[in-house]
C-alpha atoms as a PDB file:
ATOM      1  CA  UNK A   1     134.611 128.274  53.145  1.00  0.00           C
ATOM      2  CA  UNK A   2     132.016 126.371  55.645  1.00  0.00           C
ATOM      3  CA  UNK A   3     129.923 128.114  58.104  1.00  0.00           C
ATOM      4  CA  UNK A   4     127.806 126.273  60.590  1.00  0.00           C
ATOM      5  CA  UNK A   5     124.217 125.522  60.497  1.00  0.00           C
ATOM      6  CA  UNK A   6     123.605 128.514  63.027  1.00  0.00           C
ATOM      7  CA  UNK A   7     125.382 131.147  61.045  1.00  0.00           C
ATOM      8  CA  UNK A   8     123.361 129.872  57.964  1.00  0.00           C
ATOM      9  CA  UNK A   9     119.884 130.270  59.689  1.00  0.00           C
ATOM     10  CA  UNK A  10     121.238 133.497  61.508  1.00  0.00           C
ATOM     11  CA  UNK A  11     121.826 134.904  58.266  1.00  0.00           C
ATOM     12  CA  UNK A  12     118.722 134.034  56.684  1.00  0.00           C
ATOM     13  CA  UNK A  13     116.790 135.393  59.505  1.00  0.00           C
ATOM     14  CA  UNK A  14     118.133 139.089  58.930  1.00  0.00           C
ATOM     15  CA  UNK A  15     116.153 140.838  56.510  1.00  0.00           C
ATOM     16  CA  UNK A  16     118.162 141.704  53.621  1.00  0.00           C
ATOM     17  CA  UNK A  17     117.366 144.643  50.789  1.00  0.00           C
ATOM     18  CA  UNK A  18     114.774 143.734  48.765  1.00  0.00           C
ATOM     19  CA  UNK A  19     116.976 144.083  45.299  1.00  0.00           C
ATOM     20  CA  UNK A  20     119.196 141.362  46.833  1.00  0.00           C
ATOM     21  CA  UNK A  21     116.327 138.973  48.030  1.00  0.00           C
ATOM     22  CA  UNK A  22     113.008 138.206  47.967  1.00  0.00           C
ATOM     23  CA  UNK A  23     110.927 139.021  51.825  1.00  0.00           C
ATOM     24  CA  UNK A  24     108.627 136.754  50.939  1.00  0.00           C
ATOM     25  CA  UNK A  25     110.020 134.815  54.516  1.00  0.00           C
ATOM     26  CA  UNK A  26     108.871 137.788  56.731  1.00  0.00           C
ATOM     27  CA  UNK A  27     105.946 138.493  55.340  1.00  0.00           C
ATOM     28  CA  UNK A  28     104.448 134.580  55.751  1.00  0.00           C
ATOM     29  CA  UNK A  29     103.201 135.640  59.476  1.00  0.00           C
ATOM     30  CA  UNK A  30     102.274 132.791  61.309  1.00  0.00           C
ATOM     31  CA  UNK A  31     104.218 130.295  58.947  1.00  0.00           C
ATOM     32  CA  UNK A  32     107.457 132.801  59.923  1.00  0.00           C
ATOM     33  CA  UNK A  33     106.883 132.030  63.485  1.00  0.00           C
ATOM     34  CA  UNK A  34     107.178 127.959  62.526  1.00  0.00           C
ATOM     35  CA  UNK A  35     110.055 128.155  60.469  1.00  0.00           C
ATOM     36  CA  UNK A  36     111.858 129.866  63.464  1.00  0.00           C
ATOM     37  CA  UNK A  37     110.739 127.271  66.214  1.00  0.00           C
ATOM     38  CA  UNK A  38     111.803 124.371  63.573  1.00  0.00           C
ATOM     39  CA  UNK A  39     115.004 126.097  62.920  1.00  0.00           C
ATOM     40  CA  UNK A  40     115.773 126.347  66.214  1.00  0.00           C
ATOM     41  CA  UNK A  41     114.611 122.781  66.815  1.00  0.00           C
ATOM     42  CA  UNK A  42     117.473 121.577  64.395  1.00  0.00           C
ATOM     43  CA  UNK A  43     120.028 123.576  66.289  1.00  0.00           C
ATOM     44  CA  UNK A  44     119.140 122.405  69.251  1.00  0.00           C
ATOM     45  CA  UNK A  45     118.768 118.621  68.020  1.00  0.00           C
ATOM     46  CA  UNK A  46     122.427 119.257  66.586  1.00  0.00           C
ATOM     47  CA  UNK A  47     123.545 120.390  69.622  1.00  0.00           C
ATOM     48  CA  UNK A  48     122.248 117.257  71.261  1.00  0.00           C
ATOM     49  CA  UNK A  49     123.895 114.994  68.850  1.00  0.00           C
ATOM     50  CA  UNK A  50     127.369 116.807  69.412  1.00  0.00           C
ATOM     51  CA  UNK A  51     126.776 115.603  73.392  1.00  0.00           C
ATOM     52  CA  UNK A  52     125.824 112.121  72.937  1.00  0.00           C
ATOM     53  CA  UNK A  53     128.480 111.882  70.282  1.00  0.00           C
ATOM     54  CA  UNK A  54     131.163 113.404  72.893  1.00  0.00           C
ATOM     55  CA  UNK A  55     130.434 111.834  76.162  1.00  0.00           C
ATOM     56  CA  UNK A  56     133.729 110.670  76.600  1.00  0.00           C
ATOM     57  CA  UNK A  57     135.245 114.077  75.897  1.00  0.00           C
ATOM     58  CA  UNK A  58     132.791 115.413  78.633  1.00  0.00           C
ATOM     59  CA  UNK A  59     133.889 112.808  81.168  1.00  0.00           C
ATOM     60  CA  UNK A  60     130.776 110.504  81.754  1.00  0.00           C
ATOM     61  CA  UNK A  61     132.547 108.252  83.771  1.00  0.00           C
ATOM     62  CA  UNK A  62     132.880 110.186  86.639  1.00  0.00           C
ATOM     63  CA  UNK A  63     129.024 110.479  87.284  1.00  0.00           C
ATOM     64  CA  UNK A  64     128.088 106.872  88.638  1.00  0.00           C
ATOM     65  CA  UNK A  65     123.998 106.912  87.797  1.00  0.00           C
ATOM     66  CA  UNK A  66     123.632 103.874  86.233  1.00  0.00           C
ATOM     67  CA  UNK A  67     126.816 102.260  88.192  1.00  0.00           C
ATOM     68  CA  UNK A  68     124.935 103.393  91.335  1.00  0.00           C
ATOM     69  CA  UNK A  69     121.782 101.038  89.979  1.00  0.00           C
ATOM     70  CA  UNK A  70     123.349  98.591  89.201  1.00  0.00           C
ATOM     71  CA  UNK A  71     125.027  98.401  92.663  1.00  0.00           C
ATOM     72  CA  UNK A  72     121.549  98.462  94.292  1.00  0.00           C
ATOM     73  CA  UNK A  73     120.347  95.704  92.549  1.00  0.00           C
ATOM     74  CA  UNK A  74     122.774  93.093  91.133  1.00  0.00           C
ATOM     75  CA  UNK A  75     120.464  91.226  88.914  1.00  0.00           C
ATOM     76  CA  UNK A  76     119.331  94.525  86.980  1.00  0.00           C
ATOM     77  CA  UNK A  77     118.919  94.021  83.439  1.00  0.00           C
ATOM     78  CA  UNK A  78     121.337  96.467  81.751  1.00  0.00           C
ATOM     79  CA  UNK A  79     118.554  96.796  78.800  1.00  0.00           C
ATOM     80  CA  UNK A  80     115.863  98.256  80.980  1.00  0.00           C
ATOM     81  CA  UNK A  81     117.953 101.108  82.577  1.00  0.00           C
ATOM     82  CA  UNK A  82     118.470 102.496  79.321  1.00  0.00           C
ATOM     83  CA  UNK A  83     120.887 104.728  78.480  1.00  0.00           C
ATOM     84  CA  UNK A  84     121.999 107.976  80.250  1.00  0.00           C
ATOM     85  CA  UNK A  85     123.616 111.397  78.396  1.00  0.00           C
ATOM     86  CA  UNK A  86     124.865 113.741  80.967  1.00  0.00           C
ATOM     87  CA  UNK A  87     124.015 117.688  79.497  1.00  0.00           C
ATOM     88  CA  UNK A  88     126.997 119.795  80.927  1.00  0.00           C
ATOM     89  CA  UNK A  89     126.490 122.920  82.483  1.00  0.00           C
ATOM     90  CA  UNK A  90     127.623 124.728  79.522  1.00  0.00           C
ATOM     91  CA  UNK A  91     124.051 123.063  77.785  1.00  0.00           C
ATOM     92  CA  UNK A  92     121.530 125.844  78.499  1.00  0.00           C
ATOM     93  CA  UNK A  93     118.493 124.554  79.923  1.00  0.00           C
ATOM     94  CA  UNK A  94     120.534 121.215  81.468  1.00  0.00           C
ATOM     95  CA  UNK A  95     119.871 120.314  85.002  1.00  0.00           C
ATOM     96  CA  UNK A  96     123.363 121.293  86.166  1.00  0.00           C
ATOM     97  CA  UNK A  97     123.424 124.553  83.974  1.00  0.00           C
ATOM     98  CA  UNK A  98     120.388 125.711  86.344  1.00  0.00           C
ATOM     99  CA  UNK A  99     121.876 124.380  89.014  1.00  0.00           C
ATOM    100  CA  UNK A 100     124.895 126.531  88.827  1.00  0.00           C
ATOM    101  CA  UNK A 101     122.456 129.538  88.422  1.00  0.00           C
ATOM    102  CA  UNK A 102     120.745 128.946  91.348  1.00  0.00           C
ATOM    103  CA  UNK A 103     124.030 128.563  93.663  1.00  0.00           C
ATOM    104  CA  UNK A 104     125.490 131.680  91.921  1.00  0.00           C
ATOM    105  CA  UNK A 105     122.145 134.061  92.430  1.00  0.00           C
ATOM    106  CA  UNK A 106     121.871 132.534  95.983  1.00  0.00           C
ATOM    107  CA  UNK A 107     125.819 133.220  96.589  1.00  0.00           C
ATOM    108  CA  UNK A 108     125.082 136.620  95.633  1.00  0.00           C
ATOM    109  CA  UNK A 109     122.103 137.134  97.721  1.00  0.00           C
ATOM    110  CA  UNK A 110     124.182 135.698 100.506  1.00  0.00           C
ATOM    111  CA  UNK A 111     126.989 138.364  99.940  1.00  0.00           C
ATOM    112  CA  UNK A 112     124.923 141.474  99.677  1.00  0.00           C
ATOM    113  CA  UNK A 113     122.437 140.515 102.027  1.00  0.00           C
ATOM    114  CA  UNK A 114     119.335 140.743 100.135  1.00  0.00           C
ATOM    115  CA  UNK A 115     118.256 142.589  97.599  1.00  0.00           C
ATOM    116  CA  UNK A 116     116.940 146.611  97.416  1.00  0.00           C
ATOM    117  CA  UNK A 117     114.962 146.763  94.676  1.00  0.00           C
ATOM    118  CA  UNK A 118     112.495 144.634  92.352  1.00  0.00           C
ATOM    119  CA  UNK A 119     111.876 146.179  88.777  1.00  0.00           C
ATOM    120  CA  UNK A 120     109.566 144.004  86.405  1.00  0.00           C
ATOM    121  CA  UNK A 121     110.387 145.089  82.489  1.00  0.00           C
ATOM    122  CA  UNK A 122     107.843 144.247  79.375  1.00  0.00           C
ATOM    123  CA  UNK A 123     108.275 144.876  75.840  1.00  0.00           C
ATOM    124  CA  UNK A 124     105.788 146.902  74.487  1.00  0.00           C
ATOM    125  CA  UNK A 125     104.578 145.998  70.916  1.00  0.00           C
ATOM    126  CA  UNK A 126     103.816 149.378  69.900  1.00  0.00           C
ATOM    127  CA  UNK A 127     107.137 151.077  70.584  1.00  0.00           C
ATOM    128  CA  UNK A 128     107.859 153.489  68.104  1.00  0.00           C
ATOM    129  CA  UNK A 129     111.341 151.491  66.925  1.00  0.00           C
ATOM    130  CA  UNK A 130     109.133 148.511  66.442  1.00  0.00           C
ATOM    131  CA  UNK A 131     106.631 150.000  64.421  1.00  0.00           C
ATOM    132  CA  UNK A 132     108.903 152.043  62.051  1.00  0.00           C
ATOM    133  CA  UNK A 133     110.897 148.676  61.330  1.00  0.00           C
ATOM    134  CA  UNK A 134     108.271 146.677  60.478  1.00  0.00           C
ATOM    135  CA  UNK A 135     107.706 145.669  56.594  1.00  0.00           C
ATOM    136  CA  UNK A 136     104.305 147.171  55.074  1.00  0.00           C
ATOM    137  CA  UNK A 137     101.422 144.642  56.138  1.00  0.00           C
ATOM    138  CA  UNK A 138     103.605 143.348  59.086  1.00  0.00           C
ATOM    139  CA  UNK A 139     102.342 143.131  62.659  1.00  0.00           C
ATOM    140  CA  UNK A 140     104.466 142.988  65.656  1.00  0.00           C
ATOM    141  CA  UNK A 141     103.341 139.577  66.530  1.00  0.00           C
ATOM    142  CA  UNK A 142     104.531 138.408  62.800  1.00  0.00           C
ATOM    143  CA  UNK A 143     108.099 139.622  63.658  1.00  0.00           C
ATOM    144  CA  UNK A 144     108.958 138.423  67.465  1.00  0.00           C
ATOM    145  CA  UNK A 145     112.411 138.782  66.442  1.00  0.00           C
ATOM    146  CA  UNK A 146     112.207 142.473  66.414  1.00  0.00           C
ATOM    147  CA  UNK A 147     110.359 142.836  69.366  1.00  0.00           C
ATOM    148  CA  UNK A 148     112.742 140.609  71.520  1.00  0.00           C
ATOM    149  CA  UNK A 149     116.198 142.536  69.845  1.00  0.00           C
ATOM    150  CA  UNK A 150     114.250 145.986  70.515  1.00  0.00           C
ATOM    151  CA  UNK A 151     113.450 144.607  73.850  1.00  0.00           C
ATOM    152  CA  UNK A 152     116.898 143.234  74.874  1.00  0.00           C
ATOM    153  CA  UNK A 153     118.350 146.613  73.449  1.00  0.00           C
ATOM    154  CA  UNK A 154     116.368 148.757  75.700  1.00  0.00           C
ATOM    155  CA  UNK A 155     116.711 146.571  78.639  1.00  0.00           C
ATOM    156  CA  UNK A 156     120.607 146.784  78.609  1.00  0.00           C
ATOM    157  CA  UNK A 157     120.095 150.383  78.195  1.00  0.00           C
ATOM    158  CA  UNK A 158     117.917 150.302  81.987  1.00  0.00           C
ATOM    159  CA  UNK A 159     120.804 148.062  83.076  1.00  0.00           C
ATOM    160  CA  UNK A 160     123.410 150.743  81.868  1.00  0.00           C
ATOM    161  CA  UNK A 161     121.155 153.136  83.909  1.00  0.00           C
ATOM    162  CA  UNK A 162     120.914 151.107  86.743  1.00  0.00           C
ATOM    163  CA  UNK A 163     124.886 150.917  86.607  1.00  0.00           C
ATOM    164  CA  UNK A 164     125.325 154.569  86.966  1.00  0.00           C
ATOM    165  CA  UNK A 165     123.447 155.102  89.707  1.00  0.00           C
ATOM    166  CA  UNK A 166     120.019 156.279  88.848  1.00  0.00           C
ATOM    167  CA  UNK A 167     118.465 154.264  91.316  1.00  0.00           C
ATOM    168  CA  UNK A 168     120.784 154.668  94.101  1.00  0.00           C
ATOM    169  CA  UNK A 169     124.765 153.389  94.234  1.00  0.00           C
ATOM    170  CA  UNK A 170     124.595 150.113  92.302  1.00  0.00           C
ATOM    171  CA  UNK A 171     126.394 147.280  93.910  1.00  0.00           C
ATOM    172  CA  UNK A 172     125.212 144.161  92.154  1.00  0.00           C
ATOM    173  CA  UNK A 173     122.035 143.244  90.072  1.00  0.00           C
ATOM    174  CA  UNK A 174     120.481 139.715  89.082  1.00  0.00           C
ATOM    175  CA  UNK A 175     118.204 139.295  86.542  1.00  0.00           C
ATOM    176  CA  UNK A 176     116.205 136.806  84.208  1.00  0.00           C
ATOM    177  CA  UNK A 177     114.240 136.923  81.214  1.00  0.00           C
ATOM    178  CA  UNK A 178     111.197 135.169  80.419  1.00  0.00           C
ATOM    179  CA  UNK A 179     108.048 135.668  77.871  1.00  0.00           C
ATOM    180  CA  UNK A 180     104.714 135.688  78.512  1.00  0.00           C
ATOM    181  CA  UNK A 181     101.869 133.288  76.793  1.00  0.00           C
ATOM    182  CA  UNK A 182     101.499 136.508  74.077  1.00  0.00           C
ATOM    183  CA  UNK A 183     105.257 136.221  73.423  1.00  0.00           C
ATOM    184  CA  UNK A 184     106.529 139.493  74.636  1.00  0.00           C
ATOM    185  CA  UNK A 185     109.381 139.100  76.756  1.00  0.00           C
ATOM    186  CA  UNK A 186     109.382 140.745  79.978  1.00  0.00           C
ATOM    187  CA  UNK A 187     112.884 140.830  82.977  1.00  0.00           C
ATOM    188  CA  UNK A 188     112.700 140.179  86.226  1.00  0.00           C
ATOM    189  CA  UNK A 189     115.627 142.279  87.634  1.00  0.00           C
ATOM    190  CA  UNK A 190     116.732 142.162  91.746  1.00  0.00           C
ATOM    191  CA  UNK A 191     118.946 145.300  92.202  1.00  0.00           C
ATOM    192  CA  UNK A 192     121.405 145.745  95.260  1.00  0.00           C
ATOM    193  CA  UNK A 193     122.555 149.106  96.298  1.00  0.00           C
ATOM    194  CA  UNK A 194     124.966 149.856  98.664  1.00  0.00           C
ATOM    195  CA  UNK A 195     124.485 150.624 102.040  1.00  0.00           C
END
């Protein structure tokens, strides 16, 4: 049986019972955060390598960037033009992905005639759900994964309440989740209500 790199690291980032496995990784403070960042970088590089090696499957010939550069200057040196890799819209953070999200948001805004409510939700590191789940000697800043999980659970609960009509008759909503400099997530939500 084979597992992917992502599945392996997802397993490593869950706390197992003390009898099954040591918890030194989770008690290492900032080194744990460095481990998580390095893990993310490895997974991101793995995805980029896949895209790089499968450009023909992604129909890169449809993009005419290099062909246009050569057409504009027939004496252009191919070695100085560099090699271009096209990131598909399914790759989070790519230009195509961001443009797709922007166009979707603008279409929803045009269809519903502007947002009615703008809500900002911020994570609180002192939520009892977070403080009770910390291991002995840990602080919320040592467990960004726990803070994000709790934030996302409460965020989904808020969205569910908004859809039920707590703030008015719901029509649609848009949101984005960002991270503050302190590492805490926060969400900006635009709610469109029924006229």
